[in-house]
C-alpha atoms as a PDB file:
ATOM      1  CA  MET A   1       6.185 -29.918  59.644  1.00  0.00           C
ATOM      2  CA  ARG A   2       8.680 -32.645  58.721  1.00  0.00           C
ATOM      3  CA  LYS A   3       5.948 -34.409  56.718  1.00  0.00           C
ATOM      4  CA  LEU A   4       5.155 -31.161  54.873  1.00  0.00           C
ATOM      5  CA  ILE A   5       8.832 -30.535  54.009  1.00  0.00           C
ATOM      6  CA  LEU A   6       9.238 -34.134  52.847  1.00  0.00           C
ATOM      7  CA  SER A   7       6.133 -33.821  50.666  1.00  0.00           C
ATOM      8  CA  LEU A   8       7.461 -30.634  49.072  1.00  0.00           C
ATOM      9  CA  ILE A   9      10.831 -32.252  48.369  1.00  0.00           C
ATOM     10  CA  LEU A  10       9.155 -35.242  46.735  1.00  0.00           C
ATOM     11  CA  LEU A  11       6.983 -32.894  44.651  1.00  0.00           C
ATOM     12  CA  LEU A  12      10.010 -30.926  43.468  1.00  0.00           C
ATOM     13  CA  VAL A  13      11.907 -34.084  42.574  1.00  0.00           C
ATOM     14  CA  ALA A  14       8.937 -35.444  40.653  1.00  0.00           C
ATOM     15  CA  THR A  15       8.532 -32.138  38.801  1.00  0.00           C
ATOM     16  CA  ALA A  16      12.217 -32.069  37.884  1.00  0.00           C
ATOM     17  CA  CYS A  17      11.845 -35.478  36.251  1.00  0.00           C
ATOM     18  CA  GLN A  18       9.146 -34.210  33.880  1.00  0.00           C
ATOM     19  CA  PRO A  19       9.843 -32.660  30.438  1.00  0.00           C
ATOM     20  CA  ALA A  20      10.580 -28.953  30.691  1.00  0.00           C
ATOM     21  CA  PHE A  21       7.565 -28.005  28.629  1.00  0.00           C
ATOM     22  CA  ALA A  22       4.403 -29.814  27.654  1.00  0.00           C
ATOM     23  CA  ALA A  23       3.288 -30.200  24.064  1.00  0.00           C
ATOM     24  CA  SER A  24       0.585 -32.118  22.189  1.00  0.00           C
ATOM     25  CA  PHE A  25       3.112 -34.880  21.510  1.00  0.00           C
ATOM     26  CA  ASP A  26       5.755 -36.643  23.604  1.00  0.00           C
ATOM     27  CA  CYS A  27       8.722 -34.292  23.768  1.00  0.00           C
ATOM     28  CA  ASN A  28      10.934 -37.198  24.793  1.00  0.00           C
ATOM     29  CA  LYS A  29      10.419 -38.467  21.252  1.00  0.00           C
ATOM     30  CA  ALA A  30      10.967 -35.128  19.490  1.00  0.00           C
ATOM     31  CA  ALA A  31      13.011 -35.853  16.382  1.00  0.00           C
ATOM     32  CA  THR A  32      12.648 -33.011  13.885  1.00  0.00           C
ATOM     33  CA  PRO A  33      13.801 -29.381  14.223  1.00  0.00           C
ATOM     34  CA  THR A  34      10.128 -28.355  14.196  1.00  0.00           C
ATOM     35  CA  GLU A  35       9.312 -30.663  17.115  1.00  0.00           C
ATOM     36  CA  HIS A  36      12.378 -29.512  19.040  1.00  0.00           C
ATOM     37  CA  ALA A  37      11.448 -25.854  18.430  1.00  0.00           C
ATOM     38  CA  ILE A  38       8.020 -26.496  19.969  1.00  0.00           C
ATOM     39  CA  CYS A  39       9.310 -28.518  22.911  1.00  0.00           C
ATOM     40  CA  ASP A  40      12.196 -26.186  23.726  1.00  0.00           C
ATOM     41  CA  THR A  41      10.250 -22.910  23.481  1.00  0.00           C
ATOM     42  CA  PRO A  42       7.659 -22.257  26.211  1.00  0.00           C
ATOM     43  CA  GLU A  43       5.533 -19.953  24.064  1.00  0.00           C
ATOM     44  CA  LEU A  44       5.393 -22.396  21.148  1.00  0.00           C
ATOM     45  CA  SER A  45       4.713 -25.298  23.484  1.00  0.00           C
ATOM     46  CA  HIS A  46       1.759 -23.432  24.949  1.00  0.00           C
ATOM     47  CA  LYS A  47       0.429 -22.580  21.492  1.00  0.00           C
ATOM     48  CA  ASP A  48       0.763 -26.232  20.503  1.00  0.00           C
ATOM     49  CA  ASP A  49      -1.293 -27.268  23.529  1.00  0.00           C
ATOM     50  CA  VAL A  50      -4.011 -24.785  22.573  1.00  0.00           C
ATOM     51  CA  LEU A  51      -3.911 -26.059  18.995  1.00  0.00           C
ATOM     52  CA  ALA A  52      -4.422 -29.639  20.160  1.00  0.00           C
ATOM     53  CA  LYS A  53      -7.462 -28.581  22.194  1.00  0.00           C
ATOM     54  CA  ALA A  54      -8.806 -26.507  19.302  1.00  0.00           C
ATOM     55  CA  PHE A  55      -8.577 -29.477  16.950  1.00  0.00           C
ATOM     56  CA  ALA A  56     -10.150 -31.871  19.458  1.00  0.00           C
ATOM     57  CA  THR A  57     -13.017 -29.401  19.885  1.00  0.00           C
ATOM     58  CA  ALA A  58     -13.334 -28.864  16.129  1.00  0.00           C
ATOM     59  CA  ILE A  59     -13.918 -32.570  15.416  1.00  0.00           C
ATOM     60  CA  GLY A  60     -16.165 -33.165  18.432  1.00  0.00           C
ATOM     61  CA  GLY A  61     -19.518 -34.647  17.450  1.00  0.00           C
ATOM     62  CA  LEU A  62     -18.685 -34.988  13.756  1.00  0.00           C
ATOM     63  CA  SER A  63     -19.555 -37.960  11.613  1.00  0.00           C
ATOM     64  CA  LYS A  64     -16.792 -40.379  10.690  1.00  0.00           C
ATOM     65  CA  ALA A  65     -16.567 -38.972   7.165  1.00  0.00           C
ATOM     66  CA  ALA A  66     -16.299 -35.355   8.342  1.00  0.00           C
ATOM     67  CA  THR A  67     -13.791 -36.308  11.038  1.00  0.00           C
ATOM     68  CA  ASN A  68     -11.615 -38.095   8.487  1.00  0.00           C
ATOM     69  CA  LYS A  69     -11.790 -35.068   6.186  1.00  0.00           C
ATOM     70  CA  MET A  70     -10.597 -32.755   8.940  1.00  0.00           C
ATOM     71  CA  ARG A  71      -7.868 -35.202  10.015  1.00  0.00           C
ATOM     72  CA  ASN A  72      -6.571 -35.365   6.448  1.00  0.00           C
ATOM     73  CA  ASP A  73      -6.616 -31.575   6.194  1.00  0.00           C
ATOM     74  CA  GLU A  74      -4.754 -31.327   9.504  1.00  0.00           C
ATOM     75  CA  ALA A  75      -2.081 -33.681   8.165  1.00  0.00           C
ATOM     76  CA  ASP A  76      -1.764 -31.475   5.069  1.00  0.00           C
ATOM     77  CA  TRP A  77      -1.451 -28.416   7.289  1.00  0.00           C
ATOM     78  CA  LEU A  78       1.276 -30.064   9.385  1.00  0.00           C
ATOM     79  CA  ALA A  79       3.235 -30.881   6.223  1.00  0.00           C
ATOM     80  CA  TYR A  80       2.793 -27.282   5.063  1.00  0.00           C
ATOM     81  CA  VAL A  81       3.985 -25.904   8.413  1.00  0.00           C
ATOM     82  CA  ASP A  82       7.060 -28.132   8.401  1.00  0.00           C
ATOM     83  CA  GLY A  83       8.447 -26.298   5.379  1.00  0.00           C
ATOM     84  CA  ASP A  84       6.762 -22.919   5.398  1.00  0.00           C
ATOM     85  CA  CYS A  85       9.219 -21.270   7.799  1.00  0.00           C
ATOM     86  CA  THR A  86      12.276 -22.235   5.760  1.00  0.00           C
ATOM     87  CA  ASP A  87      13.827 -20.437   2.797  1.00  0.00           C
ATOM     88  CA  ASP A  88      13.212 -23.215   0.274  1.00  0.00           C
ATOM     89  CA  GLY A  89       9.867 -24.585   1.441  1.00  0.00           C
ATOM     90  CA  LYS A  90      11.445 -27.853   2.543  1.00  0.00           C
ATOM     91  CA  PRO A  91      11.499 -29.141   6.135  1.00  0.00           C
ATOM     92  CA  LEU A  92      14.711 -28.685   8.075  1.00  0.00           C
ATOM     93  CA  THR A  93      16.448 -32.026   8.534  1.00  0.00           C
ATOM     94  CA  SER A  94      19.094 -30.784  10.945  1.00  0.00           C
ATOM     95  CA  GLY A  95      20.034 -27.748  12.984  1.00  0.00           C
ATOM     96  CA  GLU A  96      17.735 -25.474  14.933  1.00  0.00           C
ATOM     97  CA  TYR A  97      15.058 -22.919  14.161  1.00  0.00           C
ATOM     98  CA  THR A  98      16.162 -19.299  14.287  1.00  0.00           C
ATOM     99  CA  ASP A  99      14.177 -16.789  16.320  1.00  0.00           C
ATOM    100  CA  ASP A 100      12.534 -15.541  13.118  1.00  0.00           C
ATOM    101  CA  GLN A 101      11.578 -19.082  12.156  1.00  0.00           C
ATOM    102  CA  LYS A 102      10.096 -19.674  15.597  1.00  0.00           C
ATOM    103  CA  ALA A 103       8.073 -16.486  15.232  1.00  0.00           C
ATOM    104  CA  CYS A 104       6.889 -17.725  11.842  1.00  0.00           C
ATOM    105  CA  LEU A 105       5.868 -21.046  13.364  1.00  0.00           C
ATOM    106  CA  GLY A 106       3.975 -19.277  16.148  1.00  0.00           C
ATOM    107  CA  THR A 107       2.024 -17.197  13.618  1.00  0.00           C
ATOM    108  CA  LEU A 108       1.064 -20.295  11.634  1.00  0.00           C
ATOM    109  CA  ILE A 109      -0.200 -22.023  14.774  1.00  0.00           C
ATOM    110  CA  ASP A 110      -2.194 -18.940  15.826  1.00  0.00           C
ATOM    111  CA  ASN A 111      -3.815 -18.751  12.395  1.00  0.00           C
ATOM    112  CA  ARG A 112      -4.717 -22.450  12.437  1.00  0.00           C
ATOM    113  CA  ILE A 113      -6.296 -22.140  15.886  1.00  0.00           C
ATOM    114  CA  LYS A 114      -8.421 -19.255  14.649  1.00  0.00           C
ATOM    115  CA  THR A 115      -9.462 -21.237  11.590  1.00  0.00           C
ATOM    116  CA  LEU A 116     -10.463 -24.294  13.623  1.00  0.00           C
ATOM    117  CA  GLU A 117     -12.850 -22.151  15.657  1.00  0.00           C
ATOM    118  CA  ASP A 118     -15.111 -22.056  12.584  1.00  0.00           C
ATOM    119  CA  SER A 119     -15.881 -25.761  13.020  1.00  0.00           C
ATOM    120  CA  ARG A 120     -18.892 -25.515  15.307  1.00  0.00           C
ATOM    121  CA  MET A 121     -22.622 -25.936  15.835  1.00  0.00           C
ATOM    122  CA  LEU A 122     -24.651 -22.921  14.761  1.00  0.00           C
ATOM    123  CA  GLY A 123     -28.347 -22.483  14.078  1.00  0.00           C
ATOM    124  CA  GLY A 124     -29.021 -26.205  14.200  1.00  0.00           C
ATOM    125  CA  PHE A 125     -26.293 -27.089  11.694  1.00  0.00           C
ATOM    126  CA  ARG A 126     -22.988 -28.779  12.499  1.00  0.00           C
ATOM    127  CA  PHE A 127     -20.441 -26.975  10.366  1.00  0.00           C
ATOM    128  CA  TYR A 128     -16.973 -28.376   9.802  1.00  0.00           C
ATOM    129  CA  LEU A 129     -14.074 -27.229   7.633  1.00  0.00           C
ATOM    130  CA  THR A 130     -12.382 -27.946   4.395  1.00  0.00           C
ATOM    131  CA  SER A 131      -8.983 -26.280   4.137  1.00  0.00           C
ATOM    132  CA  LYS A 132      -6.094 -26.014   1.701  1.00  0.00           C
ATOM    133  CA  TYR A 133      -2.449 -24.979   2.102  1.00  0.00           C
ATOM    134  CA  ALA A 134       0.564 -24.580  -0.163  1.00  0.00           C
ATOM    135  CA  ALA A 135       3.957 -22.859  -0.150  1.00  0.00           C
ATOM    136  CA  LEU A 136       5.971 -22.169  -3.307  1.00  0.00           C
ATOM    137  CA  VAL A 137       9.478 -20.833  -3.741  1.00  0.00           C
ATOM    138  CA  ASP A 138       9.478 -17.300  -5.168  1.00  0.00           C
ATOM    139  CA  PRO A 139      12.022 -17.460  -8.016  1.00  0.00           C
ATOM    140  CA  ASP A 140      12.597 -13.715  -7.808  1.00  0.00           C
ATOM    141  CA  GLN A 141      13.394 -13.736  -4.083  1.00  0.00           C
ATOM    142  CA  VAL A 142      14.919 -17.101  -3.213  1.00  0.00           C
ATOM    143  CA  ASP A 143      18.519 -16.035  -3.867  1.00  0.00           C
ATOM    144  CA  ASN A 144      18.174 -12.662  -2.168  1.00  0.00           C
ATOM    145  CA  PRO A 145      19.611 -12.978   1.385  1.00  0.00           C
ATOM    146  CA  GLU A 146      17.704  -9.843   2.472  1.00  0.00           C
ATOM    147  CA  ALA A 147      14.312 -10.997   1.210  1.00  0.00           C
ATOM    148  CA  TYR A 148      11.617 -11.804   3.744  1.00  0.00           C
ATOM    149  CA  THR A 149       9.164 -13.201   1.178  1.00  0.00           C
ATOM    150  CA  LYS A 150      11.074 -16.141  -0.259  1.00  0.00           C
ATOM    151  CA  LEU A 151       7.972 -18.286  -0.244  1.00  0.00           C
ATOM    152  CA  ALA A 152       4.534 -17.643  -1.692  1.00  0.00           C
ATOM    153  CA  ASN A 153       1.924 -18.764   0.817  1.00  0.00           C
ATOM    154  CA  TYR A 154      -1.557 -19.962  -0.048  1.00  0.00           C
ATOM    155  CA  ASP A 155      -4.164 -20.946   2.489  1.00  0.00           C
ATOM    156  CA  GLY A 156      -7.911 -21.212   2.481  1.00  0.00           C
ATOM    157  CA  SER A 157     -10.765 -22.514   4.591  1.00  0.00           C
ATOM    158  CA  ALA A 158     -14.496 -22.885   4.028  1.00  0.00           C
ATOM    159  CA  PRO A 159     -17.377 -24.364   6.039  1.00  0.00           C
ATOM    160  CA  LEU A 160     -19.349 -27.450   5.090  1.00  0.00           C
ATOM    161  CA  ILE A 161     -22.434 -28.967   6.724  1.00  0.00           C
ATOM    162  CA  ASP A 162     -21.964 -32.400   8.262  1.00  0.00           C
ATOM    163  CA  GLY A 163     -24.840 -34.397   6.814  1.00  0.00           C
ATOM    164  CA  ASP A 164     -26.242 -36.097   3.731  1.00  0.00           C
ATOM    165  CA  ASP A 165     -29.687 -34.465   3.544  1.00  0.00           C
ATOM    166  CA  ASP A 166     -30.708 -32.254   0.627  1.00  0.00           C
ATOM    167  CA  THR A 167     -29.797 -29.002   2.383  1.00  0.00           C
ATOM    168  CA  ALA A 168     -26.333 -30.208   3.352  1.00  0.00           C
ATOM    169  CA  MET A 169     -25.642 -31.560  -0.133  1.00  0.00           C
ATOM    170  CA  ALA A 170     -26.812 -28.377  -1.862  1.00  0.00           C
ATOM    171  CA  PHE A 171     -25.004 -26.068   0.564  1.00  0.00           C
ATOM    172  CA  ASN A 172     -21.739 -27.996   0.320  1.00  0.00           C
ATOM    173  CA  ALA A 173     -21.821 -28.033  -3.481  1.00  0.00           C
ATOM    174  CA  PHE A 174     -22.475 -24.279  -3.474  1.00  0.00           C
ATOM    175  CA  ILE A 175     -19.657 -23.504  -1.040  1.00  0.00           C
ATOM    176  CA  LEU A 176     -17.105 -25.727  -2.774  1.00  0.00           C
ATOM    177  CA  ASP A 177     -17.902 -24.034  -6.074  1.00  0.00           C
ATOM    178  CA  LYS A 178     -17.486 -20.575  -4.541  1.00  0.00           C
ATOM    179  CA  ALA A 179     -14.336 -21.600  -2.675  1.00  0.00           C
ATOM    180  CA  LYS A 180     -12.820 -22.708  -5.970  1.00  0.00           C
ATOM    181  CA  ASP A 181     -13.545 -19.261  -7.416  1.00  0.00           C
ATOM    182  CA  GLN A 182     -11.758 -17.643  -4.462  1.00  0.00           C
ATOM    183  CA  LEU A 183      -8.747 -19.999  -4.392  1.00  0.00           C
ATOM    184  CA  ALA A 184      -7.793 -22.370  -7.207  1.00  0.00           C
ATOM    185  CA  LEU A 185      -6.460 -24.912  -4.703  1.00  0.00           C
ATOM    186  CA  PHE A 186     -10.063 -25.857  -3.889  1.00  0.00           C
ATOM    187  CA  ALA A 187     -10.592 -27.142  -7.420  1.00  0.00           C
ATOM    188  CA  PRO A 188     -10.744 -30.966  -7.619  1.00  0.00           C
ATOM    189  CA  ALA A 189      -7.351 -32.568  -8.250  1.00  0.00           C
ATOM    190  CA  SER A 190      -5.682 -29.160  -8.200  1.00  0.00           C
ATOM    191  CA  THR A 191      -1.970 -28.810  -7.527  1.00  0.00           C
ATOM    192  CA  PRO A 192       0.112 -25.790  -6.502  1.00  0.00           C
ATOM    193  CA  ASP A 193       1.977 -25.887  -9.815  1.00  0.00           C
ATOM    194  CA  GLY A 194      -0.267 -23.364 -11.538  1.00  0.00           C
ATOM    195  CA  LEU A 195      -0.228 -20.814  -8.724  1.00  0.00           C
ATOM    196  CA  ASP A 196       1.616 -17.509  -8.832  1.00  0.00           C
ATOM    197  CA  ALA A 197       4.827 -17.995  -6.859  1.00  0.00           C
ATOM    198  CA  THR A 198       5.355 -14.256  -6.391  1.00  0.00           C
ATOM    199  CA  SER A 199       2.345 -13.444  -4.226  1.00  0.00           C
ATOM    200  CA  ASP A 200       0.485 -14.643  -1.129  1.00  0.00           C
ATOM    201  CA  THR A 201      -3.230 -15.386  -0.932  1.00  0.00           C
ATOM    202  CA  SER A 202      -5.304 -16.180   2.127  1.00  0.00           C
ATOM    203  CA  VAL A 203      -9.003 -16.968   1.786  1.00  0.00           C
ATOM    204  CA  ARG A 204     -11.379 -17.418   4.682  1.00  0.00           C
ATOM    205  CA  ILE A 205     -15.069 -18.128   4.263  1.00  0.00           C
ATOM    206  CA  ASN A 206     -16.900 -18.375   7.562  1.00  0.00           C
ATOM    207  CA  VAL A 207     -20.498 -18.612   8.704  1.00  0.00           C
ATOM    208  CA  ASN A 208     -21.654 -15.199   9.861  1.00  0.00           C
ATOM    209  CA  GLU A 209     -25.331 -15.744  10.578  1.00  0.00           C
ATOM    210  CA  VAL A 210     -27.931 -18.507  10.490  1.00  0.00           C
ATOM    211  CA  THR A 211     -31.641 -17.641  10.517  1.00  0.00           C
ATOM    212  CA  PRO A 212     -34.595 -19.963   9.889  1.00  0.00           C
ATOM    213  CA  ALA A 213     -34.467 -18.819   6.268  1.00  0.00           C
ATOM    214  CA  ARG A 214     -30.818 -18.467   5.331  1.00  0.00           C
ATOM    215  CA  ILE A 215     -27.165 -19.132   6.029  1.00  0.00           C
ATOM    216  CA  SER A 216     -25.020 -16.056   5.470  1.00  0.00           C
ATOM    217  CA  LEU A 217     -21.261 -16.222   5.156  1.00  0.00           C
ATOM    218  CA  LYS A 218     -18.485 -13.641   5.239  1.00  0.00           C
ATOM    219  CA  VAL A 219     -15.688 -13.852   2.693  1.00  0.00           C
ATOM    220  CA  MET A 220     -12.217 -12.405   3.190  1.00  0.00           C
ATOM    221  CA  ASN A 221      -9.664 -12.771   0.416  1.00  0.00           C
ATOM    222  CA  TYR A 222      -6.304 -11.262   1.350  1.00  0.00           C
ATOM    223  CA  TYR A 223      -3.545 -10.990  -1.245  1.00  0.00           C
ATOM    224  CA  PHE A 224      -0.023  -9.609  -1.185  1.00  0.00           C
ATOM    225  CA  GLY A 225       2.229  -9.301  -4.196  1.00  0.00           C
ATOM    226  CA  HIS A 226       5.850  -9.676  -3.127  1.00  0.00           C
ATOM    227  CA  GLY A 227       7.561  -6.325  -3.349  1.00  0.00           C
ATOM    228  CA  ALA A 228       4.307  -4.357  -3.080  1.00  0.00           C
ATOM    229  CA  ALA A 229       3.980  -1.579  -0.536  1.00  0.00           C
ATOM    230  CA  HIS A 230       1.048  -3.351   1.099  1.00  0.00           C
ATOM    231  CA  GLY A 231      -1.452  -6.130   0.625  1.00  0.00           C
ATOM    232  CA  GLY A 232      -5.096  -5.868  -0.291  1.00  0.00           C
ATOM    233  CA  THR A 233      -8.332  -7.419   0.898  1.00  0.00           C
ATOM    234  CA  ASP A 234     -11.501  -8.285  -0.999  1.00  0.00           C
ATOM    235  CA  LEU A 235     -14.585  -8.664   1.179  1.00  0.00           C
ATOM    236  CA  GLY A 236     -17.988 -10.095   0.374  1.00  0.00           C
ATOM    237  CA  ASN A 237     -20.949 -12.215   1.409  1.00  0.00           C
ATOM    238  CA  TYR A 238     -22.617 -15.428   0.313  1.00  0.00           C
ATOM    239  CA  HIS A 239     -26.234 -16.153   1.183  1.00  0.00           C
ATOM    240  CA  PHE A 240     -27.886 -19.578   0.986  1.00  0.00           C
ATOM    241  CA  LEU A 241     -31.662 -20.042   1.299  1.00  0.00           C
ATOM    242  CA  ILE A 242     -32.363 -23.060   3.487  1.00  0.00           C
ATOM    243  CA  SER A 243     -35.932 -23.862   2.431  1.00  0.00           C
ATOM    244  CA  LYS A 244     -35.107 -23.558  -1.266  1.00  0.00           C
ATOM    245  CA  ASN A 245     -31.664 -25.207  -1.088  1.00  0.00           C
ATOM    246  CA  ARG A 246     -30.090 -22.618  -3.355  1.00  0.00           C
ATOM    247  CA  PRO A 247     -28.121 -19.376  -3.261  1.00  0.00           C
ATOM    248  CA  MET A 248     -30.109 -16.233  -2.584  1.00  0.00           C
ATOM    249  CA  GLU A 249     -30.847 -14.091  -5.638  1.00  0.00           C
ATOM    250  CA  ALA A 250     -31.612 -10.399  -5.897  1.00  0.00           C
ATOM    251  CA  SER A 251     -35.183 -11.291  -6.932  1.00  0.00           C
ATOM    252  CA  ASP A 252     -35.712 -12.819  -3.485  1.00  0.00           C
ATOM    253  CA  ILE A 253     -35.444  -9.297  -2.057  1.00  0.00           C
ATOM    254  CA  PHE A 254     -36.482  -6.939  -4.869  1.00  0.00           C
ATOM    255  CA  LYS A 255     -39.298  -7.067  -7.399  1.00  0.00           C
ATOM    256  CA  GLY A 256     -39.209  -5.806 -10.974  1.00  0.00           C
ATOM    257  CA  THR A 257     -36.211  -3.870 -12.288  1.00  0.00           C
ATOM    258  CA  ALA A 258     -36.750  -0.269 -11.134  1.00  0.00           C
ATOM    259  CA  TRP A 259     -34.997  -1.069  -7.843  1.00  0.00           C
ATOM    260  CA  LYS A 260     -31.601  -1.219  -9.543  1.00  0.00           C
ATOM    261  CA  LYS A 261     -31.415   2.474 -10.380  1.00  0.00           C
ATOM    262  CA  LYS A 262     -32.947   3.559  -7.074  1.00  0.00           C
ATOM    263  CA  LEU A 263     -30.541   1.391  -5.079  1.00  0.00           C
ATOM    264  CA  LEU A 264     -27.621   2.865  -7.003  1.00  0.00           C
ATOM    265  CA  ASP A 265     -28.832   6.418  -6.362  1.00  0.00           C
ATOM    266  CA  LEU A 266     -29.350   5.747  -2.652  1.00  0.00           C
ATOM    267  CA  ALA A 267     -25.992   3.985  -2.294  1.00  0.00           C
ATOM    268  CA  VAL A 268     -24.157   6.854  -3.992  1.00  0.00           C
ATOM    269  CA  LYS A 269     -25.969   9.327  -1.737  1.00  0.00           C
ATOM    270  CA  GLN A 270     -24.891   7.397   1.343  1.00  0.00           C
ATOM    271  CA  VAL A 271     -21.287   6.976   0.241  1.00  0.00           C
ATOM    272  CA  ARG A 272     -21.043  10.705  -0.493  1.00  0.00           C
ATOM    273  CA  ALA A 273     -22.366  11.527   2.963  1.00  0.00           C
ATOM    274  CA  GLN A 274     -20.117   8.997   4.657  1.00  0.00           C
ATOM    275  CA  LEU A 275     -16.839   9.831   2.913  1.00  0.00           C
ATOM    276  CA  GLY A 276     -17.245  13.539   2.241  1.00  0.00           C
ATOM    277  CA  ASP A 277     -14.023  15.002   0.881  1.00  0.00           C
ATOM    278  CA  ASN A 278     -12.423  11.546   0.916  1.00  0.00           C
ATOM    279  CA  LEU A 279     -14.745  10.313  -1.825  1.00  0.00           C
ATOM    280  CA  MET A 280     -13.003   9.391  -5.078  1.00  0.00           C
ATOM    281  CA  LEU A 281     -15.797   8.835  -7.597  1.00  0.00           C
ATOM    282  CA  ASP A 282     -15.798  10.560 -10.975  1.00  0.00           C
ATOM    283  CA  ASP A 283     -18.611   8.503 -12.506  1.00  0.00           C
ATOM    284  CA  PRO A 284     -21.266   6.980 -10.205  1.00  0.00           C
ATOM    285  CA  SER A 285     -22.460   4.697 -13.008  1.00  0.00           C
ATOM    286  CA  THR A 286     -19.299   2.616 -12.532  1.00  0.00           C
ATOM    287  CA  LEU A 287     -20.901   1.322  -9.329  1.00  0.00           C
ATOM    288  CA  ALA A 288     -24.111   0.190 -11.039  1.00  0.00           C
ATOM    289  CA  ASP A 289     -23.213  -3.482 -11.317  1.00  0.00           C
ATOM    290  CA  LEU A 290     -21.593  -3.570  -7.884  1.00  0.00           C
ATOM    291  CA  VAL A 291     -24.452  -2.339  -5.718  1.00  0.00           C
ATOM    292  CA  ILE A 292     -27.006  -4.757  -7.249  1.00  0.00           C
ATOM    293  CA  ASP A 293     -24.824  -7.818  -6.651  1.00  0.00           C
ATOM    294  CA  PRO A 294     -25.965  -9.875  -3.596  1.00  0.00           C
ATOM    295  CA  TYR A 295     -22.298 -10.697  -2.990  1.00  0.00           C
ATOM    296  CA  ARG A 296     -21.979  -7.096  -1.788  1.00  0.00           C
ATOM    297  CA  TRP A 297     -24.972  -7.314   0.549  1.00  0.00           C
ATOM    298  CA  SER A 298     -25.448  -8.009   4.222  1.00  0.00           C
ATOM    299  CA  PHE A 299     -28.597  -7.413   6.215  1.00  0.00           C
ATOM    300  CA  GLY A 300     -28.844  -4.923   9.053  1.00  0.00           C
ATOM    301  CA  GLU A 301     -31.727  -4.065  11.331  1.00  0.00           C
ATOM    302  CA  THR A 302     -32.202  -0.676   9.698  1.00  0.00           C
ATOM    303  CA  GLY A 303     -31.271  -1.377   6.121  1.00  0.00           C
ATOM    304  CA  LEU A 304     -29.387  -3.145   3.373  1.00  0.00           C
ATOM    305  CA  GLU A 305     -25.632  -2.927   3.922  1.00  0.00           C
ATOM    306  CA  ILE A 306     -23.487  -2.625   0.799  1.00  0.00           C
ATOM    307  CA  GLN A 307     -19.792  -3.481   0.839  1.00  0.00           C
ATOM    308  CA  PHE A 308     -17.315  -1.535  -1.295  1.00  0.00           C
ATOM    309  CA  GLU A 309     -13.802  -2.840  -1.856  1.00  0.00           C
ATOM    310  CA  GLN A 310     -10.587  -0.918  -1.353  1.00  0.00           C
ATOM    311  CA  TYR A 311      -9.942   1.733  -4.007  1.00  0.00           C
ATOM    312  CA  GLU A 312     -13.478   1.566  -5.464  1.00  0.00           C
ATOM    313  CA  VAL A 313     -14.742   4.780  -3.906  1.00  0.00           C
ATOM    314  CA  THR A 314     -11.869   6.124  -1.807  1.00  0.00           C
ATOM    315  CA  ALA A 315      -8.157   5.891  -1.084  1.00  0.00           C
ATOM    316  CA  TYR A 316      -6.568   2.726   0.302  1.00  0.00           C
ATOM    317  CA  ALA A 317      -6.022   4.327   3.694  1.00  0.00           C
ATOM    318  CA  MET A 318      -9.797   4.692   4.120  1.00  0.00           C
ATOM    319  CA  GLY A 319     -10.287   0.925   3.946  1.00  0.00           C
ATOM    320  CA  ALA A 320     -13.308  -0.824   2.479  1.00  0.00           C
ATOM    321  CA  PRO A 321     -16.413   1.255   3.288  1.00  0.00           C
ATOM    322  CA  VAL A 322     -19.833  -0.194   4.060  1.00  0.00           C
ATOM    323  CA  VAL A 323     -22.914   1.960   3.525  1.00  0.00           C
ATOM    324  CA  THR A 324     -26.451   1.282   4.737  1.00  0.00           C
ATOM    325  CA  VAL A 325     -29.517   1.988   2.608  1.00  0.00           C
ATOM    326  CA  SER A 326     -32.614   2.230   4.800  1.00  0.00           C
ATOM    327  CA  TRP A 327     -35.329  -0.388   4.317  1.00  0.00           C
ATOM    328  CA  ASP A 328     -37.828   2.472   4.569  1.00  0.00           C
ATOM    329  CA  ASP A 329     -36.364   4.048   1.423  1.00  0.00           C
ATOM    330  CA  LEU A 330     -36.799   0.757  -0.430  1.00  0.00           C
ATOM    331  CA  THR A 331     -40.290  -0.207   0.753  1.00  0.00           C
ATOM    332  CA  ASP A 332     -42.091   0.009  -2.604  1.00  0.00           C
ATOM    333  CA  LEU A 333     -39.421  -2.094  -4.306  1.00  0.00           C
ATOM    334  CA  LEU A 334     -39.285  -5.061  -1.921  1.00  0.00           C
ATOM    335  CA  THR A 335     -40.948  -8.426  -2.496  1.00  0.00           C
ATOM    336  CA  ASP A 336     -43.892  -9.433  -0.340  1.00  0.00           C
ATOM    337  CA  ASP A 337     -41.840 -12.020   1.533  1.00  0.00           C
ATOM    338  CA  TYR A 338     -38.524 -10.201   1.805  1.00  0.00           C
ATOM    339  CA  ASN A 339     -38.970 -10.263   5.573  1.00  0.00           C
ATOM    340  CA  SER A 340     -38.660 -14.044   5.588  1.00  0.00           C
ATOM    341  CA  VAL A 341     -35.332 -13.814   3.779  1.00  0.00           C
ATOM    342  CA  VAL A 342     -33.932 -10.923   5.791  1.00  0.00           C
ATOM    343  CA  TYR A 343     -35.274 -11.704   9.246  1.00  0.00           C
ATOM    344  CA  GLY A 344     -36.339 -15.338   8.994  1.00  0.00           C
ATOM    345  CA  TYR A 345     -40.088 -14.851   9.527  1.00  0.00           C
END
C-alpha cells in the first residue's frame, strides 16, 4: 500500500511539472498571442493536436516535390491564420486573444483539418492538395466598431495527382485551370490585390469518385457579400477521363444533337414534379444551356443527375435542387460505350 501511495504521489508531481495543455509545438516556447491562445485554451490545444496529425497524415507517402508543395501551402495558411482573426488582418504583436478571436481561430483550424482530409489515396491515385488563402481589409467595414466582417476572406483547395506520368500531368493541368476559374488566387503569380475586399469566397474542389474510366470531382464555391442577408453557393462537377487524359465531354455520353432537346424536356418534367408549387420557372428554355453542360452532371445508378443552382428554378430557401433523368428514358440517345464512362466497364 505504501508503495502504491508513493507511486501515485510521484505520478502527480511529474504531471504537475508538465505544460498545462499539449499542442503541436513546445508551449514553453510560445511567443506570439496566437501561440499563447492555443496553449492556454484546452479546446484550441486539442484542435491543434488534431491538425498536426491531419497534416502528418496528409503528407504521408508523398513524393518530395508534393510534400514540399504542401509544406509551403501550410506555411501560407499559418501566416493567413495569424492575421485573419484580427480587425486589420495583421498578426497581434501583444496582448491576448478575445473569446471571439479564439472562436475564430478554432473555426479556421477546423476548416483546415477538413481540407487536409482530401489528401489521400483513392482509386489507385495518390491525391494531394494545392491551396490558397488571403485576407483583405474591407474598407467599408474596418472603421465600424459593430462590424463582424472587417476582413474579406478567400480560401481555396483543389486536388492534384502525385506523379509525373501522362495522366497525372494532364489531370493536374486541367484542375489548375479550373481552379483558376473558380478562384483568381490560383492563377500563376496572382496576388490578393485585385480581389474584392467586400466579400468572402471559399472554393473547395474535392475528388468524389474514381472509376476505371474517370475521376469525378465535386465543386463548391461559397460566396458572401458583406452586408448581404445571406451567402450563396454554386455547386458543380468536373469529370476527367483517365484513358483519354482529357476532360469528359457531352459527346462521350450522348450521340448526335437530338438529345439536347429531349434532356431539357425530361429535366423540366422532373423539376416540375419535384418542386410542385415551389417551382419558379416562367420560361423553360432558359435552362437549355444549363442541362446540357457536363459541369451540371453527376452519375447515379438509375439516371443522369442534373444540378441546379440556387434561384435558378426555385426560391433560395429551397436550396439547390438535383433532379434525376432515368437512363431508360435516354436509351436511344446514348453512345455505344457510355457504360464505360458512367460505370467504368
